[in-house]
Amino acid sequence: MKKLTDKVESHICKETDFVERICAVVLDTDLEPNEFEEKWSQVISDFELNDNTWLTYMYGKRHKWIPVYFRNLPLGCLLKTTQRSECQNSYFKRFKSIDGTLVEFWLHFQSAMEQQHYNQIFLDAPSDSMLPRVSSKTMMEKHASKIYTQTVFYEFQEQVQAAPCSCAVREFLEQGNMDIISVEVAYMKRRIFQVAHDNKSKETTCTCKMFERKGILCKHFIRIISEKGLHSIPEQMDKEII
């Protein structure tokens, strides 16, 4: 997306809201693939960019880079191979010497590994030594503070805070052991998400796919299980994120 200003006429990028609109479509992970394709086509049509070769090429490869096509994949710890190698190369360069001997290289390598171990301990310390700040008195948030790292907890906390004020239950259906609940998000132009709760296994899924993608429970899920009087994160859903 950083190439937009190079691939699209400068006056369109600078004098219109094209960049804002196309980025909003590309980065919206709550869309279904068909919704993305419809919105993409609308933006391209509005700015008369149907003949732009680069945009046409990138749209043809949409299944390989648009987030909506990866909604069912666990991406919480995604790290590309090239990113990993570049990161390691950059890190170890600080410990190496071009004119050094093999013994010196080995000593430098050990120093680098010791530094990485120290960094890991340093980053783990806040989660190991103290509980994160709980903003409400809900049992679910207190439970999350004990099982999640601080970084993950604060992401989860945002969903807890958003659940009561932005999510409204619109429809409730019973299908055997399954409850199918429609949840409307107020600020998303009446976007409806379907939450399915199995009363027997206690497993719950949501069409937003946030848990499958990031390992964090979504506000739609939290709203429903709160309505059902559940005050802790289901056991089968508190381990995949850790």
Protein backbone atom coordinates (compact mmCIF):
# COMPACT_ATOMS: atom_id res chain seq x y z
CA MET A 1 0.00 0.00 0.00
CA LYS A 2 3.01 2.33 0.42
CA LYS A 3 3.43 2.20 -3.37
CA LEU A 4 0.06 3.82 -4.04
CA THR A 5 1.48 7.31 -4.41
CA ASP A 6 4.00 6.03 -6.97
CA LYS A 7 1.54 3.93 -8.96
CA VAL A 8 -1.48 6.24 -9.02
CA GLU A 9 -1.58 9.78 -10.41
CA SER A 10 -0.30 12.23 -7.81
CA HIS A 11 -3.30 14.58 -8.05
CA ILE A 12 -5.65 11.69 -7.16
CA CYS A 13 -3.60 10.73 -4.12
CA LYS A 14 -3.02 14.28 -2.88
CA GLU A 15 -6.23 16.08 -3.79
CA THR A 16 -8.87 13.43 -3.07
CA ASP A 17 -9.70 10.89 -0.37
CA PHE A 18 -8.69 7.98 -2.64
CA VAL A 19 -5.82 6.73 -0.43
CA GLU A 20 -7.99 6.88 2.69
CA ARG A 21 -10.85 4.99 1.03
CA ILE A 22 -8.76 2.27 -0.61
CA CYS A 23 -6.79 1.67 2.60
CA ALA A 24 -10.04 1.42 4.58
CA VAL A 25 -11.26 -1.28 2.19
CA VAL A 26 -8.00 -3.23 2.16
CA LEU A 27 -7.45 -3.16 5.93
CA ASP A 28 -11.01 -3.94 7.05
CA THR A 29 -10.72 -7.51 8.35
CA ASP A 30 -14.43 -7.63 9.25
CA LEU A 31 -15.48 -7.77 5.59
CA GLU A 32 -16.40 -10.94 3.78
CA PRO A 33 -14.46 -11.54 0.53
CA ASN A 34 -17.47 -10.67 -1.63
CA GLU A 35 -17.96 -7.43 0.33
CA PHE A 36 -14.32 -6.52 -0.17
CA GLU A 37 -14.57 -7.11 -3.91
CA GLU A 38 -17.68 -4.97 -4.13
CA LYS A 39 -16.15 -2.09 -2.16
CA TRP A 40 -12.84 -2.28 -4.07
CA SER A 41 -14.69 -2.10 -7.37
CA GLN A 42 -16.70 0.87 -6.14
CA VAL A 43 -13.58 2.84 -5.18
CA ILE A 44 -11.84 2.01 -8.47
CA SER A 45 -14.93 3.07 -10.40
CA ASP A 46 -15.42 6.29 -8.43
CA PHE A 47 -11.90 7.45 -9.29
CA GLU A 48 -11.93 6.06 -12.84
CA LEU A 49 -8.91 3.82 -12.26
CA ASN A 50 -10.11 0.77 -14.18
CA ASP A 51 -7.23 1.22 -16.63
CA ASN A 52 -4.52 1.44 -13.96
CA THR A 53 -2.25 -1.53 -14.73
CA TRP A 54 -0.74 -1.82 -11.27
CA LEU A 55 -4.06 -1.76 -9.39
CA THR A 56 -5.47 -4.33 -11.81
CA TYR A 57 -2.43 -6.55 -11.26
CA MET A 58 -2.63 -6.26 -7.46
CA TYR A 59 -6.35 -6.99 -7.50
CA GLY A 60 -5.62 -10.15 -9.50
CA LYS A 61 -3.32 -11.26 -6.66
CA ARG A 62 -5.79 -10.27 -3.92
CA HIS A 63 -5.98 -13.80 -2.46
CA LYS A 64 -2.29 -13.54 -1.54
CA TRP A 65 -2.23 -10.23 0.32
CA ILE A 66 -5.66 -8.90 1.27
CA PRO A 67 -6.41 -9.64 4.99
CA VAL A 68 -10.04 -10.69 4.41
CA TYR A 69 -8.81 -13.82 2.61
CA PHE A 70 -6.85 -14.92 5.71
CA ARG A 71 -9.60 -14.53 8.29
CA ASN A 72 -9.55 -18.22 9.24
CA LEU A 73 -5.77 -18.45 9.67
CA PRO A 74 -4.01 -17.89 13.03
CA LEU A 75 -1.90 -14.79 12.36
CA GLY A 76 -1.23 -13.58 15.90
CA CYS A 77 2.43 -14.58 15.77
CA LEU A 78 2.95 -14.18 12.02
CA LEU A 79 6.54 -13.45 11.06
CA LYS A 80 7.79 -13.76 7.53
CA THR A 81 10.94 -15.79 6.88
CA THR A 82 12.64 -12.75 5.36
CA GLN A 83 11.74 -10.64 8.39
CA ARG A 84 13.20 -13.27 10.71
CA SER A 85 16.48 -13.55 8.80
CA GLU A 86 16.86 -9.78 8.40
CA CYS A 87 16.18 -9.25 12.08
CA GLN A 88 18.74 -11.87 13.12
CA ASN A 89 21.35 -10.56 10.68
CA SER A 90 20.95 -7.04 12.02
CA TYR A 91 21.17 -8.26 15.62
CA PHE A 92 24.27 -10.43 15.24
CA LYS A 93 26.14 -7.78 13.23
CA ARG A 94 26.57 -5.87 16.47
CA PHE A 95 28.61 -8.70 17.94
CA LYS A 96 30.83 -9.66 15.01
CA SER A 97 34.22 -8.52 13.80
CA ILE A 98 35.26 -8.89 10.12
CA ASP A 99 38.89 -9.58 11.04
CA GLY A 100 38.11 -11.84 13.99
CA THR A 101 39.21 -15.45 14.39
CA LEU A 102 36.86 -18.42 14.67
CA VAL A 103 37.35 -18.45 18.47
CA GLU A 104 36.47 -14.75 18.66
CA PHE A 105 33.40 -15.37 16.52
CA TRP A 106 32.26 -18.11 18.90
CA LEU A 107 32.76 -15.88 21.94
CA HIS A 108 30.82 -13.08 20.24
CA PHE A 109 28.05 -15.52 19.34
CA GLN A 110 27.76 -16.64 22.97
CA SER A 111 27.56 -13.02 24.08
CA ALA A 112 24.79 -12.39 21.58
CA MET A 113 22.80 -15.40 22.83
CA GLU A 114 23.23 -14.32 26.45
CA GLN A 115 21.96 -10.87 25.53
CA GLN A 116 18.88 -12.39 23.86
CA HIS A 117 18.16 -14.50 26.93
CA TYR A 118 18.46 -11.42 29.13
CA ASN A 119 16.11 -9.46 26.85
CA GLN A 120 13.55 -12.28 27.04
CA ILE A 121 13.69 -12.33 30.84
CA PHE A 122 13.43 -8.53 30.94
CA LEU A 123 10.33 -8.55 28.70
CA ASP A 124 8.71 -11.39 30.68
CA ALA A 125 9.31 -9.73 34.05
CA PRO A 126 6.21 -7.45 34.13
CA SER A 127 3.87 -10.34 33.36
CA ASP A 128 5.61 -12.65 35.86
CA SER A 129 5.84 -10.20 38.76
CA MET A 130 2.58 -8.22 38.66
CA LEU A 131 -0.95 -8.31 37.34
CA PRO A 132 -2.03 -5.76 34.73
CA ARG A 133 -4.30 -2.85 35.64
CA VAL A 134 -7.95 -3.91 35.65
CA SER A 135 -10.32 -1.11 34.68
CA SER A 136 -13.58 -2.74 35.74
CA LYS A 137 -14.86 -5.10 38.39
CA THR A 138 -15.99 -7.80 35.98
CA MET A 139 -14.89 -11.33 36.84
CA MET A 140 -13.98 -11.98 33.21
CA GLU A 141 -11.43 -9.16 33.12
CA LYS A 142 -9.95 -10.29 36.43
CA HIS A 143 -9.70 -13.83 35.09
CA ALA A 144 -7.95 -12.59 31.93
CA SER A 145 -5.43 -10.62 34.01
CA LYS A 146 -4.24 -13.90 35.55
CA ILE A 147 -3.85 -15.99 32.39
CA TYR A 148 -2.67 -13.52 29.71
CA THR A 149 0.56 -11.62 29.32
CA GLN A 150 0.17 -7.90 29.88
CA THR A 151 0.38 -7.07 26.17
CA VAL A 152 -2.36 -9.55 25.29
CA PHE A 153 -4.46 -8.56 28.30
CA TYR A 154 -4.64 -4.90 27.29
CA GLU A 155 -5.77 -5.88 23.79
CA PHE A 156 -8.44 -8.08 25.38
CA GLN A 157 -9.39 -5.26 27.76
CA GLU A 158 -10.24 -3.02 24.79
CA GLN A 159 -12.74 -5.63 23.63
CA VAL A 160 -14.26 -5.92 27.13
CA GLN A 161 -14.74 -2.17 27.35
CA ALA A 162 -16.31 -1.99 23.88
CA ALA A 163 -18.73 -4.90 24.36
CA PRO A 164 -21.52 -3.24 26.41
CA CYS A 165 -21.57 0.12 24.63
CA SER A 166 -21.08 -0.83 20.97
CA CYS A 167 -22.74 -4.26 20.66
CA ALA A 168 -26.47 -4.92 20.74
CA VAL A 169 -28.22 -8.30 20.57
CA ARG A 170 -30.74 -8.25 17.71
CA GLU A 171 -31.83 -11.86 17.21
CA PHE A 172 -31.68 -15.11 19.16
CA LEU A 173 -32.23 -18.53 17.60
CA GLU A 174 -32.04 -22.00 19.13
CA GLN A 175 -30.89 -24.91 16.95
CA GLY A 176 -30.55 -28.01 19.11
CA ASN A 177 -27.66 -27.43 21.51
CA MET A 178 -26.62 -24.35 19.56
CA ASP A 179 -27.67 -20.77 20.22
CA ILE A 180 -27.23 -18.47 17.21
CA ILE A 181 -27.15 -14.83 18.26
CA SER A 182 -27.05 -11.84 15.92
CA VAL A 183 -25.01 -8.94 17.27
CA GLU A 184 -25.16 -5.47 15.71
CA VAL A 185 -22.19 -3.11 16.02
CA ALA A 186 -23.45 0.45 16.40
CA TYR A 187 -20.65 2.34 14.66
CA MET A 188 -20.35 0.00 11.64
CA LYS A 189 -23.50 1.01 9.74
CA ARG A 190 -25.64 -1.84 11.04
CA ARG A 191 -23.06 -4.55 10.46
CA ILE A 192 -24.35 -7.83 11.90
CA PHE A 193 -22.11 -10.57 13.30
CA GLN A 194 -23.32 -14.07 14.10
CA VAL A 195 -22.17 -15.63 17.38
CA ALA A 196 -22.75 -19.39 17.74
CA HIS A 197 -22.65 -20.83 21.27
CA ASP A 198 -22.75 -24.57 21.99
CA ASN A 199 -24.52 -25.01 25.34
CA LYS A 200 -23.07 -28.49 25.76
CA SER A 201 -19.39 -28.01 24.93
CA LYS A 202 -19.43 -24.27 25.74
CA GLU A 203 -17.56 -23.59 22.51
CA THR A 204 -18.34 -20.26 20.89
CA THR A 205 -17.50 -18.89 17.46
CA CYS A 206 -18.07 -15.52 15.82
CA THR A 207 -18.22 -14.60 12.16
CA CYS A 208 -15.71 -11.76 12.73
CA LYS A 209 -13.05 -14.52 13.14
CA MET A 210 -11.00 -12.41 15.56
CA PHE A 211 -10.24 -15.32 17.88
CA GLU A 212 -9.21 -17.61 15.03
CA ARG A 213 -7.05 -14.88 13.52
CA LYS A 214 -5.47 -13.21 16.57
CA GLY A 215 -6.27 -15.49 19.49
CA ILE A 216 -8.15 -12.69 21.26
CA LEU A 217 -11.84 -12.91 22.17
CA CYS A 218 -13.94 -10.34 20.32
CA LYS A 219 -16.42 -7.89 21.83
CA HIS A 220 -19.33 -9.72 20.17
CA PHE A 221 -18.34 -12.96 21.91
CA ILE A 222 -17.82 -11.15 25.22
CA ARG A 223 -21.24 -9.51 25.02
CA ILE A 224 -22.98 -12.84 24.47
CA ILE A 225 -21.24 -14.85 27.18
CA SER A 226 -21.81 -11.98 29.60
CA GLU A 227 -25.53 -12.12 28.73
CA LYS A 228 -25.42 -15.84 29.54
CA GLY A 229 -23.95 -15.17 32.96
CA LEU A 230 -20.51 -16.60 32.21
CA HIS A 231 -17.91 -14.66 34.16
CA SER A 232 -14.70 -16.32 33.06
CA ILE A 233 -13.07 -17.18 29.76
CA PRO A 234 -14.01 -20.73 28.69
CA GLU A 235 -11.16 -23.13 29.39
CA GLN A 236 -10.98 -24.33 25.78
CA MET A 237 -10.41 -20.73 24.66
CA ASP A 238 -7.83 -19.50 27.17
CA LYS A 239 -4.88 -21.61 26.02
CA GLU A 240 -4.50 -20.91 22.31
CA ILE A 241 -3.48 -17.33 22.98
CA ILE A 242 -0.79 -17.93 25.62
